[in-house]
C-alpha atoms as a PDB file:
ATOM      1  CA  MET A   1       0.000   0.000   0.000  1.00  0.00           C
ATOM      2  CA  SER A   2       1.408   3.393  -0.953  1.00  0.00           C
ATOM      3  CA  THR A   3       1.869   6.258   1.483  1.00  0.00           C
ATOM      4  CA  ALA A   4      -0.910   8.219  -0.234  1.00  0.00           C
ATOM      5  CA  ASP A   5      -3.309   5.265   0.168  1.00  0.00           C
ATOM      6  CA  GLU A   6      -2.436   4.918   3.833  1.00  0.00           C
ATOM      7  CA  ILE A   7      -3.065   8.631   4.417  1.00  0.00           C
ATOM      8  CA  LYS A   8      -6.437   8.341   2.634  1.00  0.00           C
ATOM      9  CA  LYS A   9      -7.314   5.428   4.908  1.00  0.00           C
ATOM     10  CA  LEU A  10      -6.320   7.483   7.966  1.00  0.00           C
ATOM     11  CA  ASN A  11      -8.425  10.369   6.661  1.00  0.00           C
ATOM     12  CA  GLU A  12     -11.455   8.063   6.427  1.00  0.00           C
ATOM     13  CA  LEU A  13     -10.875   6.919  10.005  1.00  0.00           C
ATOM     14  CA  LEU A  14     -10.691  10.545  11.102  1.00  0.00           C
ATOM     15  CA  ARG A  15     -13.847  11.432   9.199  1.00  0.00           C
ATOM     16  CA  ASP A  16     -15.690   8.467  10.781  1.00  0.00           C
ATOM     17  CA  ARG A  17     -14.359   9.610  14.179  1.00  0.00           C
ATOM     18  CA  VAL A  18     -12.548   6.339  14.823  1.00  0.00           C
ATOM     19  CA  ILE A  19      -9.315   8.228  15.587  1.00  0.00           C
ATOM     20  CA  SER A  20      -8.696  11.718  16.947  1.00  0.00           C
ATOM     21  CA  GLN A  21      -7.037  14.581  15.078  1.00  0.00           C
ATOM     22  CA  GLU A  22      -3.891  14.141  17.198  1.00  0.00           C
ATOM     23  CA  GLU A  23      -3.664  10.448  16.320  1.00  0.00           C
ATOM     24  CA  PHE A  24      -4.194  11.284  12.646  1.00  0.00           C
ATOM     25  CA  ASP A  25      -1.427  13.900  12.703  1.00  0.00           C
ATOM     26  CA  ALA A  26       0.999  11.560  14.491  1.00  0.00           C
ATOM     27  CA  GLN A  27       0.364   8.668  12.081  1.00  0.00           C
ATOM     28  CA  LYS A  28       0.572  10.958   9.061  1.00  0.00           C
ATOM     29  CA  ASP A  29       3.915  12.392  10.231  1.00  0.00           C
ATOM     30  CA  LYS A  30       5.260   8.873  10.792  1.00  0.00           C
ATOM     31  CA  LEU A  31       4.195   7.809   7.292  1.00  0.00           C
ATOM     32  CA  LEU A  32       5.729  10.881   5.697  1.00  0.00           C
ATOM     33  CA  LYS A  33       9.014  10.368   7.541  1.00  0.00           C
ATOM     34  CA  LYS A  34       9.183   6.775   6.281  1.00  0.00           C
ATOM     35  CA  SER A  35       8.645   7.874   2.694  1.00  0.00           C
ATOM     36  CA  SER A  36      11.726  10.152   2.479  1.00  0.00           C
ATOM     37  CA  PRO A  37      14.696   7.777   1.988  1.00  0.00           C
ATOM     38  CA  SER A  38      17.112  10.510   0.893  1.00  0.00           C
ATOM     39  CA  GLU A  39      16.951  12.086   4.351  1.00  0.00           C
ATOM     40  CA  SER A  40      17.767   8.767   6.039  1.00  0.00           C
ATOM     41  CA  ASP A  41      20.614   8.106   3.604  1.00  0.00           C
ATOM     42  CA  SER A  42      22.318  11.433   4.201  1.00  0.00           C
ATOM     43  CA  GLN A  43      21.720  11.103   7.926  1.00  0.00           C
ATOM     44  CA  TRP A  44      23.457   7.713   7.904  1.00  0.00           C
ATOM     45  CA  VAL A  45      26.465   9.051   6.015  1.00  0.00           C
ATOM     46  CA  VAL A  46      26.771  12.095   8.283  1.00  0.00           C
ATOM     47  CA  THR A  47      26.398   9.934  11.394  1.00  0.00           C
ATOM     48  CA  LEU A  48      29.081   7.530  10.151  1.00  0.00           C
ATOM     49  CA  LEU A  49      31.495  10.351   9.311  1.00  0.00           C
ATOM     50  CA  LEU A  50      30.953  12.086  12.642  1.00  0.00           C
ATOM     51  CA  ALA A  51      31.504   8.813  14.515  1.00  0.00           C
ATOM     52  CA  PHE A  52      34.626   8.010  12.547  1.00  0.00           C
ATOM     53  CA  LEU A  53      36.189  11.486  12.752  1.00  0.00           C
ATOM     54  CA  LEU A  54      34.856  12.863  16.055  1.00  0.00           C
ATOM     55  CA  GLY A  55      33.420   9.800  17.766  1.00  0.00           C
ATOM     56  CA  VAL A  56      35.750  10.035  20.744  1.00  0.00           C
ATOM     57  CA  ILE A  57      33.934  13.213  21.809  1.00  0.00           C
ATOM     58  CA  GLY A  58      30.475  11.793  20.975  1.00  0.00           C
ATOM     59  CA  ALA A  59      29.701  14.106  18.038  1.00  0.00           C
ATOM     60  CA  HIS A  60      27.542  11.478  16.311  1.00  0.00           C
ATOM     61  CA  ARG A  61      25.382  11.116  19.421  1.00  0.00           C
ATOM     62  CA  PHE A  62      24.822  14.867  19.624  1.00  0.00           C
ATOM     63  CA  TYR A  63      23.876  14.806  15.925  1.00  0.00           C
ATOM     64  CA  VAL A  64      21.112  12.210  16.371  1.00  0.00           C
ATOM     65  CA  GLY A  65      19.775  13.956  19.484  1.00  0.00           C
ATOM     66  CA  LYS A  66      21.230  11.726  22.200  1.00  0.00           C
ATOM     67  CA  THR A  67      22.652  14.626  24.190  1.00  0.00           C
ATOM     68  CA  GLY A  68      22.957  12.825  27.526  1.00  0.00           C
ATOM     69  CA  THR A  69      25.028   9.955  26.206  1.00  0.00           C
ATOM     70  CA  GLY A  70      26.931  12.397  24.006  1.00  0.00           C
ATOM     71  CA  ILE A  71      28.073  14.226  27.126  1.00  0.00           C
ATOM     72  CA  LEU A  72      29.057  10.907  28.741  1.00  0.00           C
ATOM     73  CA  MET A  73      31.112   9.992  25.666  1.00  0.00           C
ATOM     74  CA  LEU A  74      32.730  13.422  25.768  1.00  0.00           C
ATOM     75  CA  PHE A  75      33.899  12.954  29.360  1.00  0.00           C
ATOM     76  CA  THR A  76      34.973   9.309  28.935  1.00  0.00           C
ATOM     77  CA  PHE A  77      36.646   9.763  25.528  1.00  0.00           C
ATOM     78  CA  GLY A  78      34.179   7.419  23.853  1.00  0.00           C
ATOM     79  CA  GLY A  79      34.253   4.957  26.724  1.00  0.00           C
ATOM     80  CA  LEU A  80      38.007   4.720  26.203  1.00  0.00           C
ATOM     81  CA  GLY A  81      37.296   3.744  22.602  1.00  0.00           C
ATOM     82  CA  ILE A  82      35.190   0.678  23.406  1.00  0.00           C
ATOM     83  CA  TRP A  83      31.866   2.544  23.307  1.00  0.00           C
ATOM     84  CA  LEU A  84      32.938   4.232  20.085  1.00  0.00           C
ATOM     85  CA  LEU A  85      33.819   0.895  18.497  1.00  0.00           C
ATOM     86  CA  ILE A  86      30.407  -0.516  19.419  1.00  0.00           C
ATOM     87  CA  ASP A  87      28.683   2.589  18.000  1.00  0.00           C
ATOM     88  CA  LEU A  88      30.655   2.318  14.757  1.00  0.00           C
ATOM     89  CA  ILE A  89      29.585  -1.303  14.365  1.00  0.00           C
ATOM     90  CA  LEU A  90      25.949  -0.367  15.065  1.00  0.00           C
ATOM     91  CA  ILE A  91      26.069   2.488  12.546  1.00  0.00           C
ATOM     92  CA  ILE A  92      27.682   0.381   9.824  1.00  0.00           C
ATOM     93  CA  THR A  93      25.176  -2.455  10.285  1.00  0.00           C
ATOM     94  CA  GLY A  94      22.206  -0.045  10.344  1.00  0.00           C
ATOM     95  CA  GLN A  95      21.230  -0.763  13.956  1.00  0.00           C
ATOM     96  CA  PHE A  96      22.061   2.686  15.409  1.00  0.00           C
ATOM     97  CA  THR A  97      18.993   4.693  16.454  1.00  0.00           C
ATOM     98  CA  ASN A  98      18.190   8.371  16.916  1.00  0.00           C
ATOM     99  CA  LYS A  99      16.652   9.876  20.047  1.00  0.00           C
ATOM    100  CA  ASP A 100      13.181   8.683  18.988  1.00  0.00           C
ATOM    101  CA  GLY A 101      14.326   5.084  18.647  1.00  0.00           C
ATOM    102  CA  GLU A 102      14.159   5.147  14.843  1.00  0.00           C
ATOM    103  CA  LYS A 103      16.995   3.349  13.084  1.00  0.00           C
ATOM    104  CA  ILE A 104      19.382   5.452  11.038  1.00  0.00           C
ATOM    105  CA  ALA A 105      18.697   3.713   7.744  1.00  0.00           C
ATOM    106  CA  ARG A 106      21.523   2.620   5.520  1.00  0.00           C
ATOM    107  CA  ILE A 107      20.311   2.884   1.969  1.00  0.00           C
END
């Protein structure tokens, strides 16, 4: 089912008052985020480069919105390199997530 079809279906549910306007907006935003692969691709490349070049200070974690763990990486020098190595593996394999828990897609 295409994104447009899914939004039409959500619109029908909203019109029939099965879902609220807030639920409609949230689902629509989620669908629209999924349908923009170029954003995920560039985000993956930027995340990988930041981790590789500035990972010891947690730059990649700040970039994806994980400020708290970014600060921890900054003060521990990337967990003495171990945490950075794990993050690099997660990024390369496409398992690294942003602050909302969404995977940084490798396309």
